[in-house]
PDB file of N, CA and C in Angstrom:
ATOM      1  N   MET A   1     -24.101   5.196  -0.058  1.00  0.00           N
ATOM      2  CA  MET A   1     -23.004   5.549  -0.163  1.00  0.00           C
ATOM      3  C   MET A   1     -21.816   4.649   0.277  1.00  0.00           C
ATOM      4  N   PRO A   2     -20.590   4.228  -0.264  1.00  0.00           N
ATOM      5  CA  PRO A   2     -19.835   3.168   0.401  1.00  0.00           C
ATOM      6  C   PRO A   2     -18.742   3.637   1.586  1.00  0.00           C
ATOM      7  N   ARG A   3     -18.774   2.817   2.597  1.00  0.00           N
ATOM      8  CA  ARG A   3     -18.105   3.465   3.811  1.00  0.00           C
ATOM      9  C   ARG A   3     -16.279   3.391   3.367  1.00  0.00           C
ATOM     10  N   LYS A   4     -15.762   4.602   3.794  1.00  0.00           N
ATOM     11  CA  LYS A   4     -14.364   4.509   3.288  1.00  0.00           C
ATOM     12  C   LYS A   4     -13.749   3.199   4.395  1.00  0.00           C
ATOM     13  N   LEU A   5     -12.778   2.448   3.435  1.00  0.00           N
ATOM     14  CA  LEU A   5     -11.983   1.710   4.669  1.00  0.00           C
ATOM     15  C   LEU A   5     -10.905   1.893   5.419  1.00  0.00           C
ATOM     16  N   SER A   6     -10.255   3.432   5.479  1.00  0.00           N
ATOM     17  CA  SER A   6      -9.709   3.680   6.093  1.00  0.00           C
ATOM     18  C   SER A   6      -9.692   5.464   6.439  1.00  0.00           C
ATOM     19  N   ASN A   7      -8.677   5.574   7.156  1.00  0.00           N
ATOM     20  CA  ASN A   7      -9.078   7.347   7.207  1.00  0.00           C
ATOM     21  C   ASN A   7      -7.554   7.444   6.674  1.00  0.00           C
ATOM     22  N   ALA A   8      -7.733   9.221   6.240  1.00  0.00           N
ATOM     23  CA  ALA A   8      -6.598   9.587   5.139  1.00  0.00           C
ATOM     24  C   ALA A   8      -5.395   9.648   5.813  1.00  0.00           C
ATOM     25  N   ASP A   9      -5.417   9.863   7.071  1.00  0.00           N
ATOM     26  CA  ASP A   9      -4.499   9.939   8.567  1.00  0.00           C
ATOM     27  C   ASP A   9      -3.830   8.907   8.332  1.00  0.00           C
ATOM     28  N   THR A  10      -3.996   7.911   8.114  1.00  0.00           N
ATOM     29  CA  THR A  10      -3.434   6.832   8.492  1.00  0.00           C
ATOM     30  C   THR A  10      -2.395   6.213   7.385  1.00  0.00           C
ATOM     31  N   TRP A  11      -2.554   6.661   6.474  1.00  0.00           N
ATOM     32  CA  TRP A  11      -1.970   6.725   5.326  1.00  0.00           C
ATOM     33  C   TRP A  11      -0.561   7.198   5.465  1.00  0.00           C
ATOM     34  N   PRO A  12       0.127   6.109   4.631  1.00  0.00           N
ATOM     35  CA  PRO A  12       2.195   7.057   5.212  1.00  0.00           C
ATOM     36  C   PRO A  12       2.311   8.424   4.057  1.00  0.00           C
ATOM     37  N   THR A  13       2.909   9.337   4.281  1.00  0.00           N
ATOM     38  CA  THR A  13       3.207  10.589   4.091  1.00  0.00           C
ATOM     39  C   THR A  13       3.425  10.349   2.087  1.00  0.00           C
ATOM     40  N   LEU A  14       3.953   9.450   1.982  1.00  0.00           N
ATOM     41  CA  LEU A  14       4.489   9.134   0.523  1.00  0.00           C
ATOM     42  C   LEU A  14       3.306   8.813  -0.235  1.00  0.00           C
ATOM     43  N   VAL A  15       2.933   7.829   0.223  1.00  0.00           N
ATOM     44  CA  VAL A  15       1.091   7.637  -0.661  1.00  0.00           C
ATOM     45  C   VAL A  15       0.658   8.505  -0.507  1.00  0.00           C
ATOM     46  N   GLN A  16       0.380   9.278   0.283  1.00  0.00           N
ATOM     47  CA  GLN A  16      -0.636  10.422   0.176  1.00  0.00           C
ATOM     48  C   GLN A  16       0.133  11.673  -1.220  1.00  0.00           C
ATOM     49  N   GLU A  17       0.665  11.989  -0.670  1.00  0.00           N
ATOM     50  CA  GLU A  17       1.711  12.548  -1.891  1.00  0.00           C
ATOM     51  C   GLU A  17       1.576  12.104  -3.061  1.00  0.00           C
ATOM     52  N   ARG A  18       1.994  11.116  -3.417  1.00  0.00           N
ATOM     53  CA  ARG A  18       1.849   9.977  -4.692  1.00  0.00           C
ATOM     54  C   ARG A  18       0.724  10.021  -5.294  1.00  0.00           C
ATOM     55  N   LEU A  19      -0.683  10.026  -4.662  1.00  0.00           N
ATOM     56  CA  LEU A  19      -2.065   9.804  -4.957  1.00  0.00           C
ATOM     57  C   LEU A  19      -2.407  11.112  -5.469  1.00  0.00           C
ATOM     58  N   THR A  20      -1.923  12.170  -4.519  1.00  0.00           N
ATOM     59  CA  THR A  20      -2.053  13.824  -5.134  1.00  0.00           C
ATOM     60  C   THR A  20      -1.344  14.387  -6.180  1.00  0.00           C
ATOM     61  N   THR A  21       0.146  13.722  -6.501  1.00  0.00           N
ATOM     62  CA  THR A  21       0.562  13.793  -7.792  1.00  0.00           C
ATOM     63  C   THR A  21      -0.133  13.355  -8.728  1.00  0.00           C
ATOM     64  N   TRP A  22      -0.507  11.955  -8.904  1.00  0.00           N
ATOM     65  CA  TRP A  22      -1.259  11.251  -9.702  1.00  0.00           C
ATOM     66  C   TRP A  22      -2.814  11.612  -9.862  1.00  0.00           C
ATOM     67  N   GLY A  23      -3.101  12.217  -9.116  1.00  0.00           N
ATOM     68  CA  GLY A  23      -4.042  13.000  -9.328  1.00  0.00           C
ATOM     69  C   GLY A  23      -4.172  14.424  -9.933  1.00  0.00           C
ATOM     70  N   LYS A  24      -3.899  15.476  -9.669  1.00  0.00           N
ATOM     71  CA  LYS A  24      -3.246  16.818 -10.606  1.00  0.00           C
ATOM     72  C   LYS A  24      -3.110  16.338 -12.096  1.00  0.00           C
ATOM     73  N   CYS A  25      -1.999  14.882 -12.182  1.00  0.00           N
ATOM     74  CA  CYS A  25      -1.516  14.594 -13.475  1.00  0.00           C
ATOM     75  C   CYS A  25      -3.301  14.218 -14.439  1.00  0.00           C
ATOM     76  N   ILE A  26      -3.828  13.512 -13.582  1.00  0.00           N
ATOM     77  CA  ILE A  26      -5.215  13.204 -13.984  1.00  0.00           C
ATOM     78  C   ILE A  26      -5.910  14.393 -14.675  1.00  0.00           C
ATOM     79  N   ASN A  27      -5.975  15.175 -13.751  1.00  0.00           N
ATOM     80  CA  ASN A  27      -6.760  16.636 -14.026  1.00  0.00           C
ATOM     81  C   ASN A  27      -6.578  17.489 -15.063  1.00  0.00           C
ATOM     82  N   THR A  28      -4.675  17.455 -14.903  1.00  0.00           N
ATOM     83  CA  THR A  28      -4.213  18.316 -16.717  1.00  0.00           C
ATOM     84  C   THR A  28      -4.087  17.733 -17.720  1.00  0.00           C
ATOM     85  N   GLN A  29      -3.810  16.151 -17.852  1.00  0.00           N
ATOM     86  CA  GLN A  29      -4.021  15.955 -19.087  1.00  0.00           C
ATOM     87  C   GLN A  29      -5.595  15.671 -19.212  1.00  0.00           C
ATOM     88  N   ARG A  30      -6.551  15.598 -18.242  1.00  0.00           N
ATOM     89  CA  ARG A  30      -8.104  15.702 -19.067  1.00  0.00           C
ATOM     90  C   ARG A  30      -8.275  16.892 -19.610  1.00  0.00           C
ATOM     91  N   LEU A  31      -7.727  18.285 -19.096  1.00  0.00           N
ATOM     92  CA  LEU A  31      -7.930  19.464 -19.407  1.00  0.00           C
ATOM     93  C   LEU A  31      -7.278  19.118 -20.714  1.00  0.00           C
ATOM     94  N   ARG A  32      -5.898  19.493 -21.054  1.00  0.00           N
ATOM     95  CA  ARG A  32      -5.256  19.385 -22.172  1.00  0.00           C
ATOM     96  C   ARG A  32      -5.866  18.971 -23.329  1.00  0.00           C
ATOM     97  N   GLN A  33      -6.354  17.207 -23.247  1.00  0.00           N
ATOM     98  CA  GLN A  33      -7.187  16.742 -23.984  1.00  0.00           C
ATOM     99  C   GLN A  33      -8.547  17.054 -24.647  1.00  0.00           C
ATOM    100  N   ARG A  34      -9.103  18.035 -23.575  1.00  0.00           N
ATOM    101  CA  ARG A  34     -10.511  18.494 -23.653  1.00  0.00           C
ATOM    102  C   ARG A  34     -11.334  17.307 -23.351  1.00  0.00           C
ATOM    103  N   ILE A  35     -10.943  16.596 -22.350  1.00  0.00           N
ATOM    104  CA  ILE A  35     -11.963  15.324 -22.241  1.00  0.00           C
ATOM    105  C   ILE A  35     -12.583  16.114 -20.932  1.00  0.00           C
ATOM    106  N   THR A  36     -14.103  15.889 -20.863  1.00  0.00           N
ATOM    107  CA  THR A  36     -15.129  16.610 -19.648  1.00  0.00           C
ATOM    108  C   THR A  36     -14.939  15.151 -18.779  1.00  0.00           C
ATOM    109  N   VAL A  37     -15.792  15.827 -17.492  1.00  0.00           N
ATOM    110  CA  VAL A  37     -15.346  14.956 -16.211  1.00  0.00           C
ATOM    111  C   VAL A  37     -16.546  13.761 -16.599  1.00  0.00           C
ATOM    112  N   ALA A  38     -17.892  14.096 -17.465  1.00  0.00           N
ATOM    113  CA  ALA A  38     -18.036  12.878 -17.649  1.00  0.00           C
ATOM    114  C   ALA A  38     -18.167  11.899 -18.269  1.00  0.00           C
ATOM    115  N   ASP A  39     -17.442  12.459 -19.940  1.00  0.00           N
ATOM    116  CA  ASP A  39     -17.068  11.989 -21.008  1.00  0.00           C
ATOM    117  C   ASP A  39     -15.759  10.748 -19.996  1.00  0.00           C
ATOM    118  N   LEU A  40     -14.655  11.303 -19.554  1.00  0.00           N
ATOM    119  CA  LEU A  40     -14.006  10.445 -18.882  1.00  0.00           C
ATOM    120  C   LEU A  40     -14.167   9.304 -17.922  1.00  0.00           C
ATOM    121  N   SER A  41     -15.455  10.065 -16.947  1.00  0.00           N
ATOM    122  CA  SER A  41     -15.862   8.769 -15.865  1.00  0.00           C
ATOM    123  C   SER A  41     -16.647   7.993 -16.484  1.00  0.00           C
ATOM    124  N   THR A  42     -17.539   8.089 -17.703  1.00  0.00           N
ATOM    125  CA  THR A  42     -18.133   7.430 -18.735  1.00  0.00           C
ATOM    126  C   THR A  42     -17.134   6.124 -18.989  1.00  0.00           C
ATOM    127  N   ARG A  43     -15.960   6.458 -19.472  1.00  0.00           N
ATOM    128  CA  ARG A  43     -15.161   5.927 -20.389  1.00  0.00           C
ATOM    129  C   ARG A  43     -14.512   4.926 -19.337  1.00  0.00           C
ATOM    130  N   LEU A  44     -13.976   5.231 -18.291  1.00  0.00           N
ATOM    131  CA  LEU A  44     -13.527   4.441 -16.617  1.00  0.00           C
ATOM    132  C   LEU A  44     -14.556   3.813 -15.847  1.00  0.00           C
ATOM    133  N   GLY A  45     -15.939   3.711 -16.202  1.00  0.00           N
ATOM    134  CA  GLY A  45     -16.710   2.886 -15.543  1.00  0.00           C
ATOM    135  C   GLY A  45     -16.889   3.624 -14.235  1.00  0.00           C
ATOM    136  N   ILE A  46     -16.464   5.054 -13.487  1.00  0.00           N
ATOM    137  CA  ILE A  46     -16.445   5.391 -12.162  1.00  0.00           C
ATOM    138  C   ILE A  46     -17.483   6.696 -12.534  1.00  0.00           C
ATOM    139  N   SER A  47     -17.794   7.004 -11.259  1.00  0.00           N
ATOM    140  CA  SER A  47     -18.996   8.053 -11.146  1.00  0.00           C
ATOM    141  C   SER A  47     -18.508   9.372 -11.465  1.00  0.00           C
ATOM    142  N   ARG A  48     -18.943  10.516 -11.531  1.00  0.00           N
ATOM    143  CA  ARG A  48     -18.345  11.955 -11.988  1.00  0.00           C
ATOM    144  C   ARG A  48     -17.765  11.927 -10.473  1.00  0.00           C
ATOM    145  N   THR A  49     -18.268  11.731  -9.104  1.00  0.00           N
ATOM    146  CA  THR A  49     -17.740  12.465  -8.121  1.00  0.00           C
ATOM    147  C   THR A  49     -16.574  11.689  -7.605  1.00  0.00           C
ATOM    148  N   THR A  50     -16.425  10.260  -8.113  1.00  0.00           N
ATOM    149  CA  THR A  50     -15.034   9.476  -7.762  1.00  0.00           C
ATOM    150  C   THR A  50     -13.761  10.299  -8.718  1.00  0.00           C
ATOM    151  N   LEU A  51     -14.287  10.569  -9.589  1.00  0.00           N
ATOM    152  CA  LEU A  51     -13.159  11.254 -10.577  1.00  0.00           C
ATOM    153  C   LEU A  51     -12.595  12.071 -10.289  1.00  0.00           C
ATOM    154  N   LEU A  52     -13.389  12.877  -9.487  1.00  0.00           N
ATOM    155  CA  LEU A  52     -12.974  14.412  -9.247  1.00  0.00           C
ATOM    156  C   LEU A  52     -13.021  14.228  -8.056  1.00  0.00           C
ATOM    157  N   ARG A  53     -12.793  13.285  -7.193  1.00  0.00           N
ATOM    158  CA  ARG A  53     -12.452  12.894  -5.833  1.00  0.00           C
ATOM    159  C   ARG A  53     -10.664  12.277  -6.149  1.00  0.00           C
ATOM    160  N   MET A  54     -10.637  11.697  -7.131  1.00  0.00           N
ATOM    161  CA  MET A  54      -9.312  11.151  -7.622  1.00  0.00           C
ATOM    162  C   MET A  54      -8.660  12.355  -8.049  1.00  0.00           C
ATOM    163  N   GLU A  55      -8.796  13.235  -8.907  1.00  0.00           N
ATOM    164  CA  GLU A  55      -8.280  14.462  -9.122  1.00  0.00           C
ATOM    165  C   GLU A  55      -7.789  15.381  -8.040  1.00  0.00           C
ATOM    166  N   LYS A  56      -8.445  15.144  -6.773  1.00  0.00           N
ATOM    167  CA  LYS A  56      -8.017  15.963  -5.580  1.00  0.00           C
ATOM    168  C   LYS A  56      -6.990  15.091  -4.785  1.00  0.00           C
ATOM    169  N   GLY A  57      -6.978  13.928  -4.889  1.00  0.00           N
ATOM    170  CA  GLY A  57      -5.706  12.461  -4.466  1.00  0.00           C
ATOM    171  C   GLY A  57      -6.363  11.919  -3.342  1.00  0.00           C
ATOM    172  N   ASP A  58      -7.860  11.479  -3.629  1.00  0.00           N
ATOM    173  CA  ASP A  58      -8.163  11.136  -2.221  1.00  0.00           C
ATOM    174  C   ASP A  58      -7.935   9.914  -2.183  1.00  0.00           C
ATOM    175  N   THR A  59      -7.659   9.336  -0.945  1.00  0.00           N
ATOM    176  CA  THR A  59      -7.028   7.859  -0.775  1.00  0.00           C
ATOM    177  C   THR A  59      -8.131   6.678  -0.769  1.00  0.00           C
ATOM    178  N   GLY A  60      -9.325   7.398  -0.668  1.00  0.00           N
ATOM    179  CA  GLY A  60     -10.515   6.130  -0.708  1.00  0.00           C
ATOM    180  C   GLY A  60     -10.982   5.525  -1.860  1.00  0.00           C
ATOM    181  N   ALA A  61     -10.360   6.559  -3.425  1.00  0.00           N
ATOM    182  CA  ALA A  61     -10.569   6.024  -4.675  1.00  0.00           C
ATOM    183  C   ALA A  61      -9.671   4.594  -4.455  1.00  0.00           C
ATOM    184  N   SER A  62     -10.263   3.623  -5.364  1.00  0.00           N
ATOM    185  CA  SER A  62      -8.744   2.358  -5.331  1.00  0.00           C
ATOM    186  C   SER A  62      -7.651   2.485  -6.558  1.00  0.00           C
ATOM    187  N   ALA A  63      -7.040   2.084  -6.268  1.00  0.00           N
ATOM    188  CA  ALA A  63      -5.171   2.253  -6.837  1.00  0.00           C
ATOM    189  C   ALA A  63      -5.404   1.856  -8.533  1.00  0.00           C
ATOM    190  N   GLY A  64      -6.409   1.010  -8.711  1.00  0.00           N
ATOM    191  CA  GLY A  64      -7.085   0.209  -9.737  1.00  0.00           C
ATOM    192  C   GLY A  64      -7.306   1.615 -10.211  1.00  0.00           C
ATOM    193  N   ALA A  65      -8.603   2.206  -9.802  1.00  0.00           N
ATOM    194  CA  ALA A  65      -8.923   3.546 -10.546  1.00  0.00           C
ATOM    195  C   ALA A  65      -7.993   4.910 -11.143  1.00  0.00           C
ATOM    196  N   TYR A  66      -6.929   4.690 -10.349  1.00  0.00           N
ATOM    197  CA  TYR A  66      -6.582   5.605 -10.807  1.00  0.00           C
ATOM    198  C   TYR A  66      -5.215   4.919 -11.917  1.00  0.00           C
ATOM    199  N   LEU A  67      -4.691   3.708 -11.626  1.00  0.00           N
ATOM    200  CA  LEU A  67      -4.373   3.255 -12.766  1.00  0.00           C
ATOM    201  C   LEU A  67      -4.942   3.389 -14.327  1.00  0.00           C
ATOM    202  N   THR A  68      -6.270   2.956 -13.939  1.00  0.00           N
ATOM    203  CA  THR A  68      -6.863   2.682 -14.982  1.00  0.00           C
ATOM    204  C   THR A  68      -7.243   4.365 -16.079  1.00  0.00           C
ATOM    205  N   ALA A  69      -7.578   5.231 -15.135  1.00  0.00           N
ATOM    206  CA  ALA A  69      -7.333   6.180 -15.405  1.00  0.00           C
ATOM    207  C   ALA A  69      -6.033   7.216 -15.895  1.00  0.00           C
ATOM    208  N   LEU A  70      -5.218   6.648 -15.660  1.00  0.00           N
ATOM    209  CA  LEU A  70      -3.852   6.890 -16.222  1.00  0.00           C
ATOM    210  C   LEU A  70      -3.564   6.472 -17.543  1.00  0.00           C
ATOM    211  N   LEU A  71      -4.037   4.956 -17.694  1.00  0.00           N
ATOM    212  CA  LEU A  71      -4.024   4.138 -19.060  1.00  0.00           C
ATOM    213  C   LEU A  71      -5.068   5.080 -19.548  1.00  0.00           C
ATOM    214  N   ALA A  72      -5.776   5.487 -19.701  1.00  0.00           N
ATOM    215  CA  ALA A  72      -7.073   5.873 -20.808  1.00  0.00           C
ATOM    216  C   ALA A  72      -6.645   7.822 -21.276  1.00  0.00           C
ATOM    217  N   LEU A  73      -5.620   7.912 -20.252  1.00  0.00           N
ATOM    218  CA  LEU A  73      -5.170   9.459 -20.870  1.00  0.00           C
ATOM    219  C   LEU A  73      -3.703   8.936 -21.048  1.00  0.00           C
ATOM    220  N   GLY A  74      -2.866   7.860 -21.650  1.00  0.00           N
ATOM    221  CA  GLY A  74      -1.795   7.707 -21.900  1.00  0.00           C
ATOM    222  C   GLY A  74      -0.526   8.265 -20.892  1.00  0.00           C
ATOM    223  N   MET A  75      -0.944   7.788 -20.131  1.00  0.00           N
ATOM    224  CA  MET A  75       0.212   8.387 -18.790  1.00  0.00           C
ATOM    225  C   MET A  75       0.577   7.361 -17.969  1.00  0.00           C
ATOM    226  N   VAL A  76      -0.207   6.211 -18.179  1.00  0.00           N
ATOM    227  CA  VAL A  76       0.254   5.153 -17.087  1.00  0.00           C
ATOM    228  C   VAL A  76       1.928   4.790 -16.719  1.00  0.00           C
ATOM    229  N   ASP A  77       2.712   4.325 -18.307  1.00  0.00           N
ATOM    230  CA  ASP A  77       4.225   4.231 -17.781  1.00  0.00           C
ATOM    231  C   ASP A  77       5.138   5.345 -17.483  1.00  0.00           C
ATOM    232  N   GLN A  78       4.695   6.597 -17.585  1.00  0.00           N
ATOM    233  CA  GLN A  78       5.401   7.732 -17.099  1.00  0.00           C
ATOM    234  C   GLN A  78       4.998   7.546 -15.273  1.00  0.00           C
ATOM    235  N   ALA A  79       3.664   7.617 -15.152  1.00  0.00           N
ATOM    236  CA  ALA A  79       3.303   7.627 -13.545  1.00  0.00           C
ATOM    237  C   ALA A  79       3.585   6.435 -13.013  1.00  0.00           C
ATOM    238  N   ALA A  80       3.423   5.617 -13.321  1.00  0.00           N
ATOM    239  CA  ALA A  80       3.621   4.380 -12.801  1.00  0.00           C
ATOM    240  C   ALA A  80       4.503   2.963 -13.437  1.00  0.00           C
ATOM    241  N   PRO A  81       5.713   3.288 -13.659  1.00  0.00           N
ATOM    242  CA  PRO A  81       6.259   2.159 -14.425  1.00  0.00           C
ATOM    243  C   PRO A  81       6.688   0.657 -14.183  1.00  0.00           C
ATOM    244  N   ALA A  82       6.616   0.154 -15.089  1.00  0.00           N
ATOM    245  CA  ALA A  82       6.736  -0.948 -14.482  1.00  0.00           C
ATOM    246  C   ALA A  82       7.268  -1.857 -13.460  1.00  0.00           C
ATOM    247  N   LEU A  83       7.401  -2.503 -12.462  1.00  0.00           N
ATOM    248  CA  LEU A  83       8.446  -3.039 -11.780  1.00  0.00           C
ATOM    249  C   LEU A  83       9.673  -4.274 -12.601  1.00  0.00           C
ATOM    250  N   PRO A  84      10.792  -4.153 -11.896  1.00  0.00           N
ATOM    251  CA  PRO A  84      12.025  -4.921 -12.742  1.00  0.00           C
ATOM    252  C   PRO A  84      11.374  -6.481 -12.117  1.00  0.00           C
ATOM    253  N   ALA A  85      11.589  -7.625 -13.393  1.00  0.00           N
ATOM    254  CA  ALA A  85      10.972  -8.822 -12.903  1.00  0.00           C
ATOM    255  C   ALA A  85      11.999  -9.635 -11.638  1.00  0.00           C
ATOM    256  N   GLU A  86      12.624  -9.188 -11.370  1.00  0.00           N
ATOM    257  CA  GLU A  86      13.470  -9.822 -10.412  1.00  0.00           C
ATOM    258  C   GLU A  86      12.833  -9.055  -9.329  1.00  0.00           C
ATOM    259  N   LEU A  87      11.817  -8.577  -8.858  1.00  0.00           N
ATOM    260  CA  LEU A  87      10.970  -8.293  -8.152  1.00  0.00           C
ATOM    261  C   LEU A  87      10.303  -9.009  -7.814  1.00  0.00           C
ATOM    262  N   TRP A  88      10.075  -9.864  -8.317  1.00  0.00           N
ATOM    263  CA  TRP A  88       8.832 -10.887  -8.137  1.00  0.00           C
ATOM    264  C   TRP A  88       9.298 -12.748  -9.344  1.00  0.00           C
ATOM    265  N   GLN A  89      10.005 -12.493 -10.144  1.00  0.00           N
ATOM    266  CA  GLN A  89      10.260 -14.228 -10.716  1.00  0.00           C
ATOM    267  C   GLN A  89      12.239 -14.561  -9.879  1.00  0.00           C
ATOM    268  N   GLY A  90      12.376 -15.809  -9.838  1.00  0.00           N
ATOM    269  CA  GLY A  90      13.791 -16.030  -9.788  1.00  0.00           C
ATOM    270  C   GLY A  90      14.030 -17.028  -8.625  1.00  0.00           C
ATOM    271  N   ASP A  91      15.092 -16.737  -8.231  1.00  0.00           N
ATOM    272  CA  ASP A  91      15.641 -17.634  -6.626  1.00  0.00           C
ATOM    273  C   ASP A  91      15.479 -16.817  -5.314  1.00  0.00           C
ATOM    274  N   TYR A  92      14.330 -17.601  -4.713  1.00  0.00           N
ATOM    275  CA  TYR A  92      14.016 -16.830  -2.991  1.00  0.00           C
ATOM    276  C   TYR A  92      15.230 -17.029  -1.949  1.00  0.00           C
ATOM    277  N   GLY A  93      15.837 -18.197  -2.118  1.00  0.00           N
ATOM    278  CA  GLY A  93      17.273 -18.331  -1.314  1.00  0.00           C
ATOM    279  C   GLY A  93      16.449 -19.108  -0.664  1.00  0.00           C
ATOM    280  N   GLN A  94      17.315 -19.226   0.544  1.00  0.00           N
ATOM    281  CA  GLN A  94      17.322 -19.927   1.880  1.00  0.00           C
ATOM    282  C   GLN A  94      16.160 -19.142   2.938  1.00  0.00           C
ATOM    283  N   ARG A  95      15.305 -19.822   3.394  1.00  0.00           N
ATOM    284  CA  ARG A  95      14.296 -19.541   4.511  1.00  0.00           C
ATOM    285  C   ARG A  95      15.777 -19.178   5.711  1.00  0.00           C
ATOM    286  N   VAL A  96      15.440 -18.357   6.666  1.00  0.00           N
ATOM    287  CA  VAL A  96      16.148 -18.139   7.441  1.00  0.00           C
ATOM    288  C   VAL A  96      15.295 -18.705   9.200  1.00  0.00           C
ATOM    289  N   LYS A  97      15.937 -19.728   9.781  1.00  0.00           N
ATOM    290  CA  LYS A  97      15.455 -20.308  11.272  1.00  0.00           C
ATOM    291  C   LYS A  97      15.387 -19.553  12.057  1.00  0.00           C
ATOM    292  N   LEU A  98      14.488 -18.911  13.187  1.00  0.00           N
ATOM    293  CA  LEU A  98      14.305 -18.817  13.902  1.00  0.00           C
ATOM    294  C   LEU A  98      14.937 -19.376  15.414  1.00  0.00           C
ATOM    295  N   SER A  99      16.350 -18.650  15.528  1.00  0.00           N
ATOM    296  CA  SER A  99      16.795 -18.962  17.305  1.00  0.00           C
ATOM    297  C   SER A  99      15.836 -19.349  18.452  1.00  0.00           C
ATOM    298  N   LEU A 100      16.415 -20.805  19.255  1.00  0.00           N
ATOM    299  CA  LEU A 100      15.578 -20.680  20.043  1.00  0.00           C
ATOM    300  C   LEU A 100      14.806 -19.511  21.100  1.00  0.00           C
ATOM    301  N   GLN A 101      15.781 -18.787  21.263  1.00  0.00           N
ATOM    302  CA  GLN A 101      15.544 -17.127  21.609  1.00  0.00           C
ATOM    303  C   GLN A 101      14.286 -16.912  20.943  1.00  0.00           C
ATOM    304  N   GLU A 102      14.510 -16.505  19.796  1.00  0.00           N
ATOM    305  CA  GLU A 102      13.717 -15.879  18.395  1.00  0.00           C
ATOM    306  C   GLU A 102      12.284 -16.626  19.240  1.00  0.00           C
ATOM    307  N   LYS A 103      12.118 -17.703  18.976  1.00  0.00           N
ATOM    308  CA  LYS A 103      10.957 -18.687  18.919  1.00  0.00           C
ATOM    309  C   LYS A 103       9.969 -18.247  20.278  1.00  0.00           C
ATOM    310  N   GLY A 104      10.821 -18.020  21.085  1.00  0.00           N
ATOM    311  CA  GLY A 104      10.234 -17.707  22.543  1.00  0.00           C
ATOM    312  C   GLY A 104      10.024 -18.790  23.660  1.00  0.00           C
ATOM    313  N   ALA A 105      11.408 -19.409  23.232  1.00  0.00           N
ATOM    314  CA  ALA A 105      11.479 -20.345  24.591  1.00  0.00           C
ATOM    315  C   ALA A 105      11.971 -20.161  25.355  1.00  0.00           C
ATOM    316  N   ASP A 106      12.649 -18.844  25.690  1.00  0.00           N
ATOM    317  CA  ASP A 106      12.610 -17.917  27.560  1.00  0.00           C
ATOM    318  C   ASP A 106      11.157 -17.797  27.769  1.00  0.00           C
ATOM    319  N   ASP A 107      10.698 -17.340  26.483  1.00  0.00           N
ATOM    320  CA  ASP A 107       9.005 -17.255  27.816  1.00  0.00           C
ATOM    321  C   ASP A 107       8.645 -18.260  28.773  1.00  0.00           C
ATOM    322  N   ALA A 108       8.723 -19.481  28.426  1.00  0.00           N
ATOM    323  CA  ALA A 108       8.053 -20.355  28.686  1.00  0.00           C
ATOM    324  C   ALA A 108       8.772 -20.690  30.283  1.00  0.00           C
ATOM    325  N   GLU A 109       9.834 -20.115  30.351  1.00  0.00           N
ATOM    326  CA  GLU A 109      10.627 -20.235  31.668  1.00  0.00           C
ATOM    327  C   GLU A 109       9.929 -18.901  32.660  1.00  0.00           C
ATOM    328  N   TYR A 110       9.374 -18.100  31.901  1.00  0.00           N
ATOM    329  CA  TYR A 110       9.942 -16.695  32.946  1.00  0.00           C
ATOM    330  C   TYR A 110       8.023 -16.821  33.221  1.00  0.00           C
ATOM    331  N   PHE A 111       7.339 -17.506  32.977  1.00  0.00           N
ATOM    332  CA  PHE A 111       6.009 -17.648  33.823  1.00  0.00           C
ATOM    333  C   PHE A 111       6.150 -19.106  34.366  1.00  0.00           C
TER     334      PHE A 111
END
């Protein structure tokens, strides 16, 4: 069994709440569309156990697995809308240069 990369306690509350909401959405839509756990997990290429954990909002499942499940159920655009292009395209502006104090020049005099 693979080892979890992090403990659920270390994730921010907002992330835990979002994963729980996505999990509830996956479960509700799967049931509404009358898709079995076995069928959806096969379609997604994940184990039944992983799908059941995702439906509970488990932080151990990958973001890709959540988004693929939402896509397969036709819910990805509502659950995770596309980000505006200006967040990753365009002019990045000038880089800020650190002052001597911020660079740690005073630290040399301290010791």
